[in-house]
N, C-alpha and C. Protein backbone atom coordinates (compact mmCIF):
# COMPACT_ATOMS: atom_id res chain seq x y z
N UNK A 1 33.52 87.97 97.08
CA UNK A 1 34.36 86.87 96.68
C UNK A 1 34.79 86.08 97.89
N UNK A 2 34.83 84.74 97.73
CA UNK A 2 35.24 83.87 98.79
C UNK A 2 36.75 83.97 99.01
N UNK A 3 37.18 83.52 100.13
CA UNK A 3 38.64 83.57 100.43
C UNK A 3 39.39 82.57 99.59
N UNK A 4 40.65 82.84 99.36
CA UNK A 4 41.45 81.91 98.52
C UNK A 4 41.53 80.57 99.01
N UNK A 5 41.34 80.36 100.36
CA UNK A 5 41.46 79.01 100.94
C UNK A 5 40.37 78.06 100.37
N UNK A 6 39.27 78.61 99.89
CA UNK A 6 38.26 77.81 99.37
C UNK A 6 38.47 77.39 97.90
N UNK A 7 39.53 77.96 97.32
CA UNK A 7 39.77 77.67 95.88
C UNK A 7 40.36 76.24 95.75
N UNK A 8 40.77 75.65 96.77
CA UNK A 8 41.20 74.27 96.66
C UNK A 8 40.20 73.36 97.51
N UNK A 9 40.02 72.23 96.93
CA UNK A 9 39.15 71.28 97.65
C UNK A 9 40.02 70.38 98.51
N UNK A 10 39.39 69.84 99.57
CA UNK A 10 40.05 68.90 100.49
C UNK A 10 39.63 67.53 100.03
N UNK A 11 40.58 66.81 99.38
CA UNK A 11 40.20 65.48 98.85
C UNK A 11 40.50 64.43 99.93
N UNK A 12 39.52 63.58 100.15
CA UNK A 12 39.59 62.54 101.13
C UNK A 12 39.50 61.17 100.54
N UNK A 13 40.14 60.23 101.25
CA UNK A 13 40.22 58.84 100.73
C UNK A 13 38.92 58.04 100.96
N UNK A 14 38.05 58.51 101.84
CA UNK A 14 36.82 57.79 102.18
C UNK A 14 35.62 58.68 101.88
N UNK A 15 34.60 58.16 101.21
CA UNK A 15 33.46 58.98 100.89
C UNK A 15 32.64 59.50 102.08
N UNK A 16 32.73 58.79 103.19
CA UNK A 16 32.00 59.26 104.40
C UNK A 16 32.58 60.62 104.88
N UNK A 17 33.78 60.90 104.55
CA UNK A 17 34.45 62.11 105.03
C UNK A 17 33.81 63.38 104.48
N UNK A 18 33.09 63.34 103.30
CA UNK A 18 32.48 64.49 102.74
C UNK A 18 31.07 64.71 103.20
N UNK A 19 30.54 63.71 103.98
CA UNK A 19 29.18 63.83 104.59
C UNK A 19 28.12 64.19 103.48
N UNK A 20 28.16 63.45 102.39
CA UNK A 20 27.20 63.70 101.35
C UNK A 20 25.87 63.10 101.76
N UNK A 21 24.75 63.69 101.30
CA UNK A 21 23.43 63.05 101.46
C UNK A 21 23.45 61.64 100.92
N UNK A 22 22.58 60.73 101.39
CA UNK A 22 22.63 59.34 101.02
C UNK A 22 22.53 59.16 99.55
N UNK A 23 21.61 59.89 98.87
CA UNK A 23 21.45 59.66 97.43
C UNK A 23 22.74 60.07 96.66
N UNK A 24 23.41 61.13 97.08
CA UNK A 24 24.67 61.55 96.41
C UNK A 24 25.73 60.51 96.74
N UNK A 25 25.83 60.14 98.00
CA UNK A 25 26.84 59.15 98.43
C UNK A 25 26.76 57.90 97.51
N UNK A 26 25.55 57.48 97.21
CA UNK A 26 25.40 56.26 96.37
C UNK A 26 26.04 56.48 95.01
N UNK A 27 25.91 57.68 94.43
CA UNK A 27 26.54 57.98 93.11
C UNK A 27 28.03 58.11 93.26
N UNK A 28 28.47 58.71 94.32
CA UNK A 28 29.89 58.92 94.52
C UNK A 28 30.65 57.54 94.62
N UNK A 29 29.95 56.55 95.18
CA UNK A 29 30.60 55.27 95.37
C UNK A 29 30.25 54.23 94.29
N UNK A 30 29.80 54.68 93.18
CA UNK A 30 29.51 53.79 92.06
C UNK A 30 30.72 52.97 91.74
N UNK A 31 30.62 51.64 91.79
CA UNK A 31 31.81 50.82 91.45
C UNK A 31 31.88 50.75 89.96
N UNK A 32 33.02 50.52 89.43
CA UNK A 32 33.21 50.36 87.98
C UNK A 32 32.97 51.70 87.27
N UNK A 33 32.38 51.60 86.05
CA UNK A 33 32.26 52.72 85.18
C UNK A 33 30.99 53.58 85.51
N UNK A 34 31.26 54.81 85.85
CA UNK A 34 30.09 55.76 86.08
C UNK A 34 29.34 55.91 84.76
N UNK A 35 30.04 55.99 83.66
CA UNK A 35 29.35 56.13 82.34
C UNK A 35 28.33 54.97 82.20
N UNK A 36 28.73 53.73 82.45
CA UNK A 36 27.84 52.62 82.29
C UNK A 36 26.58 52.74 83.16
N UNK A 37 26.78 53.26 84.35
CA UNK A 37 25.59 53.43 85.24
C UNK A 37 24.68 54.51 84.71
N UNK A 38 25.28 55.66 84.26
CA UNK A 38 24.46 56.72 83.69
C UNK A 38 23.67 56.21 82.45
N UNK A 39 24.30 55.48 81.64
CA UNK A 39 23.64 54.92 80.40
C UNK A 39 22.47 54.06 80.88
N UNK A 40 22.69 53.23 81.90
CA UNK A 40 21.66 52.33 82.37
C UNK A 40 20.45 53.07 83.04
N UNK A 41 20.69 54.35 83.46
CA UNK A 41 19.72 55.10 84.22
C UNK A 41 19.11 56.16 83.31
N UNK A 42 19.24 56.07 82.02
CA UNK A 42 18.61 57.07 81.19
C UNK A 42 18.22 56.43 79.85
N UNK A 43 17.26 57.04 79.15
CA UNK A 43 16.84 56.58 77.88
C UNK A 43 17.83 57.05 76.75
N UNK A 44 18.37 58.28 76.98
CA UNK A 44 19.30 58.82 76.05
C UNK A 44 20.48 59.39 76.80
N UNK A 45 21.69 58.90 76.51
CA UNK A 45 22.88 59.39 77.14
C UNK A 45 23.75 60.05 76.11
N UNK A 46 24.37 61.18 76.53
CA UNK A 46 25.26 61.88 75.57
C UNK A 46 26.43 62.47 76.32
N UNK A 47 27.61 62.38 75.74
CA UNK A 47 28.80 63.02 76.18
C UNK A 47 28.94 64.38 75.41
N UNK A 48 28.76 65.43 76.05
CA UNK A 48 28.88 66.75 75.43
C UNK A 48 30.28 67.30 75.63
N UNK A 49 31.11 67.32 74.63
CA UNK A 49 32.46 67.83 74.81
C UNK A 49 32.38 69.38 74.82
N UNK A 50 32.87 69.96 75.89
CA UNK A 50 32.90 71.43 76.01
C UNK A 50 34.19 72.00 75.53
N UNK A 51 35.31 71.42 75.83
CA UNK A 51 36.60 71.85 75.27
C UNK A 51 37.64 70.76 75.57
N UNK A 52 38.61 70.74 74.68
CA UNK A 52 39.79 69.91 74.86
C UNK A 52 41.00 70.66 74.26
N UNK A 53 41.89 71.09 75.18
CA UNK A 53 43.04 71.90 74.74
C UNK A 53 44.05 72.00 75.83
N UNK A 54 45.17 72.63 75.56
CA UNK A 54 46.18 72.87 76.54
C UNK A 54 45.73 74.04 77.50
N UNK A 55 45.95 73.82 78.85
CA UNK A 55 45.56 74.82 79.80
C UNK A 55 46.39 74.58 81.05
N UNK A 56 46.35 75.57 81.96
CA UNK A 56 47.09 75.41 83.21
C UNK A 56 46.16 74.65 84.17
N UNK A 57 46.70 73.59 84.78
CA UNK A 57 45.88 72.75 85.64
C UNK A 57 45.55 73.53 86.96
N UNK A 58 44.61 73.04 87.64
CA UNK A 58 44.21 73.65 88.94
C UNK A 58 45.20 73.34 90.01
N UNK A 59 45.24 74.19 91.01
CA UNK A 59 46.23 73.98 92.08
C UNK A 59 46.06 72.69 92.82
N UNK A 60 44.84 72.24 92.98
CA UNK A 60 44.63 71.03 93.68
C UNK A 60 44.75 69.74 92.80
N UNK A 61 45.15 69.95 91.55
CA UNK A 61 45.36 68.84 90.63
C UNK A 61 46.82 68.59 90.42
N UNK A 62 47.67 69.61 90.52
CA UNK A 62 49.07 69.52 90.13
C UNK A 62 49.80 68.33 90.81
N UNK A 63 49.75 68.38 92.13
CA UNK A 63 50.54 67.34 92.88
C UNK A 63 50.05 65.95 92.54
N UNK A 64 48.76 65.83 92.35
CA UNK A 64 48.16 64.49 92.12
C UNK A 64 48.68 63.85 90.86
N UNK A 65 49.07 64.73 89.87
CA UNK A 65 49.53 64.16 88.60
C UNK A 65 51.08 64.35 88.51
N UNK A 66 51.72 64.55 89.64
CA UNK A 66 53.15 64.52 89.69
C UNK A 66 53.85 65.81 89.32
N UNK A 67 53.15 66.93 89.40
CA UNK A 67 53.70 68.25 89.04
C UNK A 67 54.03 69.02 90.32
N UNK A 68 55.14 69.72 90.35
CA UNK A 68 55.52 70.47 91.53
C UNK A 68 54.63 71.67 91.76
N UNK A 69 54.06 72.22 90.65
CA UNK A 69 53.17 73.41 90.77
C UNK A 69 52.21 73.38 89.56
N UNK A 70 51.18 74.17 89.61
CA UNK A 70 50.29 74.24 88.44
C UNK A 70 51.03 74.64 87.20
N UNK A 71 50.84 73.91 86.15
CA UNK A 71 51.47 74.20 84.83
C UNK A 71 50.58 73.70 83.76
N UNK A 72 51.02 73.90 82.51
CA UNK A 72 50.17 73.49 81.32
C UNK A 72 50.07 72.00 81.21
N UNK A 73 48.85 71.59 80.97
CA UNK A 73 48.53 70.20 80.77
C UNK A 73 47.53 70.11 79.60
N UNK A 74 47.24 68.90 79.21
CA UNK A 74 46.09 68.67 78.27
C UNK A 74 44.88 68.60 79.14
N UNK A 75 43.86 69.37 78.81
CA UNK A 75 42.62 69.40 79.58
C UNK A 75 41.41 69.02 78.75
N UNK A 76 40.55 68.28 79.32
CA UNK A 76 39.26 67.97 78.61
C UNK A 76 38.11 68.22 79.55
N UNK A 77 37.09 68.93 79.08
CA UNK A 77 35.89 69.22 79.87
C UNK A 77 34.68 68.65 79.06
N UNK A 78 33.83 67.93 79.87
CA UNK A 78 32.65 67.36 79.21
C UNK A 78 31.49 67.57 80.20
N UNK A 79 30.26 67.50 79.64
CA UNK A 79 29.05 67.39 80.44
C UNK A 79 28.41 66.09 80.06
N UNK A 80 28.13 65.21 81.03
CA UNK A 80 27.45 63.95 80.77
C UNK A 80 25.94 64.22 80.96
N UNK A 81 25.22 63.99 79.89
CA UNK A 81 23.79 64.29 79.85
C UNK A 81 22.94 63.08 79.81
N UNK A 82 21.94 63.03 80.65
CA UNK A 82 20.99 61.97 80.71
C UNK A 82 19.62 62.51 80.29
N UNK A 83 19.05 62.03 79.23
CA UNK A 83 17.77 62.50 78.72
C UNK A 83 17.80 64.06 78.58
N UNK A 84 18.93 64.55 78.08
CA UNK A 84 19.07 65.96 77.79
C UNK A 84 19.50 66.83 78.97
N UNK A 85 19.45 66.35 80.18
CA UNK A 85 19.81 67.11 81.38
C UNK A 85 21.20 66.89 81.80
N UNK A 86 21.90 67.91 82.21
CA UNK A 86 23.30 67.73 82.69
C UNK A 86 23.31 67.03 84.06
N UNK A 87 23.95 65.88 84.03
CA UNK A 87 23.99 65.05 85.26
C UNK A 87 25.34 65.10 86.01
N UNK A 88 26.41 65.14 85.17
CA UNK A 88 27.76 65.11 85.73
C UNK A 88 28.66 66.02 84.89
N UNK A 89 29.55 66.77 85.52
CA UNK A 89 30.55 67.51 84.81
C UNK A 89 31.88 66.79 84.99
N UNK A 90 32.52 66.50 83.87
CA UNK A 90 33.78 65.82 83.89
C UNK A 90 34.94 66.67 83.51
N UNK A 91 36.03 66.64 84.28
CA UNK A 91 37.25 67.41 84.01
C UNK A 91 38.42 66.46 84.09
N UNK A 92 39.16 66.40 82.93
CA UNK A 92 40.29 65.48 82.90
C UNK A 92 41.54 66.29 82.54
N UNK A 93 42.61 65.93 83.22
CA UNK A 93 43.91 66.60 82.93
C UNK A 93 44.97 65.46 82.70
N UNK A 94 45.85 65.77 81.77
CA UNK A 94 46.93 64.83 81.41
C UNK A 94 48.23 65.63 81.32
N UNK A 95 49.29 65.33 82.01
CA UNK A 95 50.55 66.07 81.93
C UNK A 95 51.01 66.11 80.43
N UNK A 96 51.62 67.24 80.02
CA UNK A 96 52.09 67.36 78.67
C UNK A 96 53.18 66.30 78.36
N UNK A 97 53.79 65.77 79.43
CA UNK A 97 54.85 64.79 79.19
C UNK A 97 54.33 63.47 78.69
N UNK A 98 53.00 63.24 78.84
CA UNK A 98 52.40 61.98 78.34
C UNK A 98 52.42 62.01 76.78
N UNK A 99 52.57 60.80 76.29
CA UNK A 99 52.68 60.69 74.77
C UNK A 99 51.46 60.01 74.20
N UNK A 100 51.37 60.03 72.93
CA UNK A 100 50.29 59.27 72.27
C UNK A 100 50.46 57.77 72.50
N UNK A 101 51.60 57.32 72.80
CA UNK A 101 51.86 55.93 73.16
C UNK A 101 51.23 55.55 74.50
N UNK A 102 51.27 56.59 75.42
CA UNK A 102 50.64 56.37 76.74
C UNK A 102 49.11 56.38 76.61
N UNK A 103 48.55 57.37 75.95
CA UNK A 103 47.11 57.58 75.86
C UNK A 103 46.76 57.73 74.34
N UNK A 104 46.71 56.64 73.56
CA UNK A 104 46.58 56.71 72.13
C UNK A 104 45.26 57.31 71.65
N UNK A 105 44.19 57.19 72.36
CA UNK A 105 42.90 57.65 71.90
C UNK A 105 42.45 59.01 72.52
N UNK A 106 43.27 59.59 73.43
CA UNK A 106 42.78 60.74 74.16
C UNK A 106 42.53 61.93 73.19
N UNK A 107 43.42 62.16 72.26
CA UNK A 107 43.20 63.32 71.41
C UNK A 107 42.08 63.16 70.41
N UNK A 108 41.57 61.95 70.23
CA UNK A 108 40.58 61.73 69.19
C UNK A 108 39.20 61.30 69.73
N UNK A 109 39.01 61.57 71.07
CA UNK A 109 37.80 61.08 71.67
C UNK A 109 36.50 61.78 71.13
N UNK A 110 36.66 63.08 70.88
CA UNK A 110 35.41 63.79 70.45
C UNK A 110 34.40 63.75 71.50
N UNK A 111 33.18 63.26 71.14
CA UNK A 111 32.08 63.13 72.11
C UNK A 111 31.94 61.69 72.54
N UNK A 112 32.95 60.90 72.38
CA UNK A 112 32.91 59.54 73.01
C UNK A 112 33.26 59.57 74.45
N UNK A 113 32.86 58.54 75.17
CA UNK A 113 33.10 58.53 76.62
C UNK A 113 34.54 58.09 76.91
N UNK A 114 35.23 58.87 77.67
CA UNK A 114 36.60 58.55 78.13
C UNK A 114 36.48 57.36 79.06
N UNK A 115 35.43 57.27 79.88
CA UNK A 115 35.27 56.17 80.83
C UNK A 115 35.21 54.80 80.12
N UNK A 116 34.49 54.76 79.02
CA UNK A 116 34.44 53.49 78.29
C UNK A 116 35.83 53.05 77.85
N UNK A 117 36.56 54.00 77.33
CA UNK A 117 37.94 53.70 76.92
C UNK A 117 38.78 53.20 78.06
N UNK A 118 38.73 53.85 79.17
CA UNK A 118 39.57 53.50 80.32
C UNK A 118 39.25 52.16 80.88
N UNK A 119 37.96 51.83 80.96
CA UNK A 119 37.54 50.57 81.66
C UNK A 119 37.77 49.31 80.77
N UNK A 120 37.92 49.48 79.47
CA UNK A 120 38.07 48.37 78.58
C UNK A 120 39.42 48.22 77.96
N UNK A 121 40.38 48.98 78.47
CA UNK A 121 41.76 48.91 78.02
C UNK A 121 42.54 48.11 79.09
N UNK A 122 43.01 46.94 78.74
CA UNK A 122 43.74 46.12 79.77
C UNK A 122 45.04 46.76 80.27
N UNK A 123 45.55 47.66 79.60
CA UNK A 123 46.78 48.36 80.06
C UNK A 123 46.56 49.41 81.07
N UNK A 124 45.29 49.87 81.26
CA UNK A 124 44.94 50.93 82.20
C UNK A 124 44.83 50.38 83.62
N UNK A 125 45.53 51.08 84.54
CA UNK A 125 45.41 50.75 85.96
C UNK A 125 44.69 51.95 86.66
N UNK A 126 43.67 51.62 87.36
CA UNK A 126 42.90 52.60 88.06
C UNK A 126 43.42 52.78 89.50
N UNK A 127 43.61 54.04 89.95
CA UNK A 127 44.04 54.29 91.31
C UNK A 127 42.82 54.33 92.25
N UNK A 128 43.06 54.82 93.44
CA UNK A 128 42.05 54.92 94.43
C UNK A 128 41.18 56.16 94.20
N UNK A 129 39.91 56.04 94.44
CA UNK A 129 39.02 57.19 94.31
C UNK A 129 39.29 58.19 95.48
N UNK A 130 39.14 59.45 95.28
CA UNK A 130 39.18 60.48 96.33
C UNK A 130 37.94 61.29 96.21
N UNK A 131 37.47 61.84 97.33
CA UNK A 131 36.16 62.49 97.38
C UNK A 131 36.26 63.92 97.94
N UNK A 132 35.46 64.83 97.54
CA UNK A 132 35.57 66.19 98.03
C UNK A 132 34.18 66.91 97.91
N UNK A 133 34.06 67.93 98.74
CA UNK A 133 32.97 68.91 98.57
C UNK A 133 33.54 70.03 97.75
N UNK A 134 32.91 70.41 96.70
CA UNK A 134 33.34 71.54 95.88
C UNK A 134 32.49 72.77 96.25
N UNK A 135 33.16 73.66 96.96
CA UNK A 135 32.38 74.84 97.52
C UNK A 135 32.57 76.10 96.63
N UNK A 136 31.62 77.07 96.88
CA UNK A 136 31.74 78.29 96.16
C UNK A 136 33.15 78.88 96.32
N UNK A 137 33.67 79.39 95.17
CA UNK A 137 35.06 79.88 95.13
C UNK A 137 35.98 78.94 94.45
N UNK A 138 35.64 77.62 94.35
CA UNK A 138 36.49 76.68 93.67
C UNK A 138 36.32 76.90 92.14
N UNK A 139 37.43 76.93 91.40
CA UNK A 139 37.39 77.27 90.00
C UNK A 139 36.55 76.25 89.19
N UNK A 140 36.39 75.06 89.65
CA UNK A 140 35.55 74.12 88.83
C UNK A 140 34.07 74.63 88.77
N UNK A 141 33.61 75.28 89.79
CA UNK A 141 32.23 75.75 89.76
C UNK A 141 32.04 76.81 88.66
N UNK A 142 33.06 77.69 88.51
CA UNK A 142 32.95 78.72 87.44
C UNK A 142 32.97 77.99 86.06
N UNK A 143 33.79 76.94 85.96
CA UNK A 143 33.82 76.22 84.71
C UNK A 143 32.52 75.47 84.41
N UNK A 144 31.89 74.94 85.45
CA UNK A 144 30.65 74.31 85.24
C UNK A 144 29.58 75.29 84.74
N UNK A 145 29.55 76.46 85.36
CA UNK A 145 28.59 77.48 84.98
C UNK A 145 28.85 77.87 83.49
N UNK A 146 30.10 78.06 83.12
CA UNK A 146 30.40 78.42 81.71
C UNK A 146 30.03 77.29 80.79
N UNK A 147 30.22 76.05 81.16
CA UNK A 147 29.88 74.93 80.28
C UNK A 147 28.40 74.81 80.07
N UNK A 148 27.65 75.09 81.11
CA UNK A 148 26.18 74.95 81.00
C UNK A 148 25.46 76.15 80.41
N UNK A 149 26.13 77.32 80.40
CA UNK A 149 25.53 78.55 79.86
C UNK A 149 24.22 78.85 80.53
N UNK A 150 23.18 79.08 79.77
CA UNK A 150 21.91 79.48 80.30
C UNK A 150 21.31 78.43 81.22
N UNK A 151 21.73 77.20 81.04
CA UNK A 151 21.18 76.07 81.89
C UNK A 151 21.67 76.24 83.32
N UNK A 152 22.78 76.96 83.50
CA UNK A 152 23.33 77.07 84.88
C UNK A 152 22.35 77.75 85.80
N UNK A 153 21.49 78.57 85.28
CA UNK A 153 20.51 79.26 86.12
C UNK A 153 19.58 78.28 86.84
N UNK A 154 19.43 77.10 86.25
CA UNK A 154 18.51 76.08 86.81
C UNK A 154 19.18 75.26 87.91
N UNK A 155 20.47 75.46 88.09
CA UNK A 155 21.15 74.73 89.15
C UNK A 155 20.72 75.23 90.52
N UNK A 156 21.16 74.53 91.51
CA UNK A 156 20.79 74.91 92.89
C UNK A 156 21.42 76.32 93.19
N UNK A 157 21.12 76.78 94.31
CA UNK A 157 21.62 78.08 94.85
C UNK A 157 23.11 78.21 94.55
N UNK A 158 23.52 79.36 93.98
CA UNK A 158 24.93 79.45 93.67
C UNK A 158 25.91 79.29 94.84
N UNK A 159 25.35 79.35 96.11
CA UNK A 159 26.20 79.07 97.27
C UNK A 159 26.15 77.64 97.68
N UNK A 160 25.55 76.82 96.88
CA UNK A 160 25.43 75.38 97.28
C UNK A 160 26.76 74.66 97.12
N UNK A 161 26.91 73.61 97.84
CA UNK A 161 28.06 72.71 97.79
C UNK A 161 27.79 71.55 96.83
N UNK A 162 28.77 71.27 96.01
CA UNK A 162 28.62 70.08 95.11
C UNK A 162 29.59 69.02 95.60
N UNK A 163 29.29 67.80 95.20
CA UNK A 163 30.12 66.65 95.62
C UNK A 163 30.83 66.12 94.39
N UNK A 164 32.04 65.69 94.59
CA UNK A 164 32.87 65.24 93.48
C UNK A 164 33.68 64.05 93.87
N UNK A 165 34.20 63.33 92.88
CA UNK A 165 35.16 62.24 93.06
C UNK A 165 36.23 62.39 91.96
N UNK A 166 37.34 61.90 92.28
CA UNK A 166 38.41 61.90 91.24
C UNK A 166 39.29 60.70 91.35
N UNK A 167 40.01 60.36 90.32
CA UNK A 167 40.82 59.14 90.32
C UNK A 167 41.95 59.35 89.29
N UNK A 168 43.14 58.88 89.65
CA UNK A 168 44.28 58.88 88.72
C UNK A 168 44.27 57.50 88.02
N UNK A 169 44.43 57.54 86.72
CA UNK A 169 44.60 56.31 85.86
C UNK A 169 46.04 56.37 85.34
N UNK A 170 46.56 55.18 85.20
CA UNK A 170 47.94 55.03 84.64
C UNK A 170 47.84 54.07 83.42
N UNK A 171 48.62 54.46 82.47
CA UNK A 171 48.73 53.61 81.22
C UNK A 171 50.19 53.79 80.76
N UNK A 172 50.93 52.71 80.73
CA UNK A 172 52.34 52.75 80.41
C UNK A 172 53.03 53.79 81.37
N UNK A 173 53.63 54.89 80.83
CA UNK A 173 54.30 55.89 81.66
C UNK A 173 53.39 57.06 81.95
N UNK A 174 52.16 57.03 81.44
CA UNK A 174 51.30 58.19 81.45
C UNK A 174 50.34 58.20 82.64
N UNK A 175 50.09 59.41 83.19
CA UNK A 175 49.05 59.60 84.21
C UNK A 175 47.92 60.39 83.60
N UNK A 176 46.72 60.17 84.13
CA UNK A 176 45.56 60.92 83.65
C UNK A 176 44.60 61.03 84.89
N UNK A 177 44.21 62.26 85.17
CA UNK A 177 43.32 62.51 86.35
C UNK A 177 41.92 62.90 85.87
N UNK A 178 40.91 62.14 86.31
CA UNK A 178 39.54 62.40 85.97
C UNK A 178 38.81 62.87 87.25
N UNK A 179 38.18 64.00 87.12
CA UNK A 179 37.34 64.56 88.22
C UNK A 179 35.92 64.58 87.70
N UNK A 180 35.02 64.07 88.55
CA UNK A 180 33.58 64.08 88.20
C UNK A 180 32.78 64.80 89.26
N UNK A 181 32.12 65.82 88.83
CA UNK A 181 31.25 66.66 89.77
C UNK A 181 29.84 66.31 89.53
N UNK A 182 29.13 65.90 90.57
CA UNK A 182 27.71 65.49 90.42
C UNK A 182 26.76 66.71 90.51
N UNK A 183 25.96 66.83 89.47
CA UNK A 183 25.01 67.89 89.36
C UNK A 183 23.64 67.51 89.83
N UNK A 184 22.78 68.44 90.22
CA UNK A 184 21.49 68.13 90.83
C UNK A 184 20.66 67.13 90.01
N UNK A 185 20.65 67.17 88.68
CA UNK A 185 19.83 66.26 87.89
C UNK A 185 20.14 64.81 88.10
N UNK A 186 21.39 64.47 88.59
CA UNK A 186 21.66 63.03 88.76
C UNK A 186 20.80 62.40 89.78
N UNK A 187 20.26 63.18 90.70
CA UNK A 187 19.41 62.63 91.72
C UNK A 187 18.01 62.30 91.22
N UNK A 188 17.70 62.76 90.03
CA UNK A 188 16.33 62.48 89.45
C UNK A 188 16.39 61.24 88.60
N UNK A 189 17.55 60.57 88.48
CA UNK A 189 17.61 59.36 87.65
C UNK A 189 17.01 58.20 88.37
N UNK A 190 17.07 57.00 87.70
CA UNK A 190 16.42 55.83 88.25
C UNK A 190 16.92 55.52 89.66
N UNK A 191 16.14 54.88 90.46
CA UNK A 191 16.55 54.54 91.88
C UNK A 191 17.91 53.88 91.98
N UNK A 192 18.63 54.32 92.96
CA UNK A 192 19.99 53.86 93.15
C UNK A 192 20.06 52.38 93.54
N UNK A 193 18.93 51.80 93.94
CA UNK A 193 18.87 50.41 94.38
C UNK A 193 19.02 49.46 93.23
N UNK A 194 18.90 49.96 91.97
CA UNK A 194 19.07 49.03 90.81
C UNK A 194 20.50 48.46 90.88
N UNK A 195 20.55 47.20 90.72
CA UNK A 195 21.85 46.49 90.77
C UNK A 195 22.57 46.59 89.38
N UNK A 196 23.69 47.30 89.33
CA UNK A 196 24.43 47.52 88.07
C UNK A 196 25.44 46.40 87.99
N UNK A 197 25.32 45.60 87.02
CA UNK A 197 26.27 44.49 86.72
C UNK A 197 27.30 44.94 85.76
């Protein structure tokens, strides 16, 4: 088992700080909606909802959403699939103090894209992206493996590092934190040089 220090990621304000390979860096720095880019880079796009329920947030999420310590939040886990393959794991947390007035569609998303909702709601304000390497021992990796089931065996070496980005969104008085972890299949999608409008 890895040491406890690796259970938290070091989130950085600039993507160069995580020293991601060029192809991953390009996905990390996608401007606008990641969902829109994934749709444009696949013949068939699907949001697979893994779970949406109350749960205790991760230690490296609590402060970001204004909590003094990890506590119960609304949590949503999804796998974004391009042509059937898992390309991105999405993890969203919303403080229990948020109301339906703050996030009216959150509880009814089902397998619809949260990203589409966020980018087309004029009341939503997007914060700055932060970037991290997700190393073995971080709890998100265990969640990814659980979400993928038997498909997890096809992922890279279990000791591999994954790259992620996250962002806080605000709507009225509510905060919402979205973390996106890029999986190996994202690198097999259409060339990153395609200009996404």
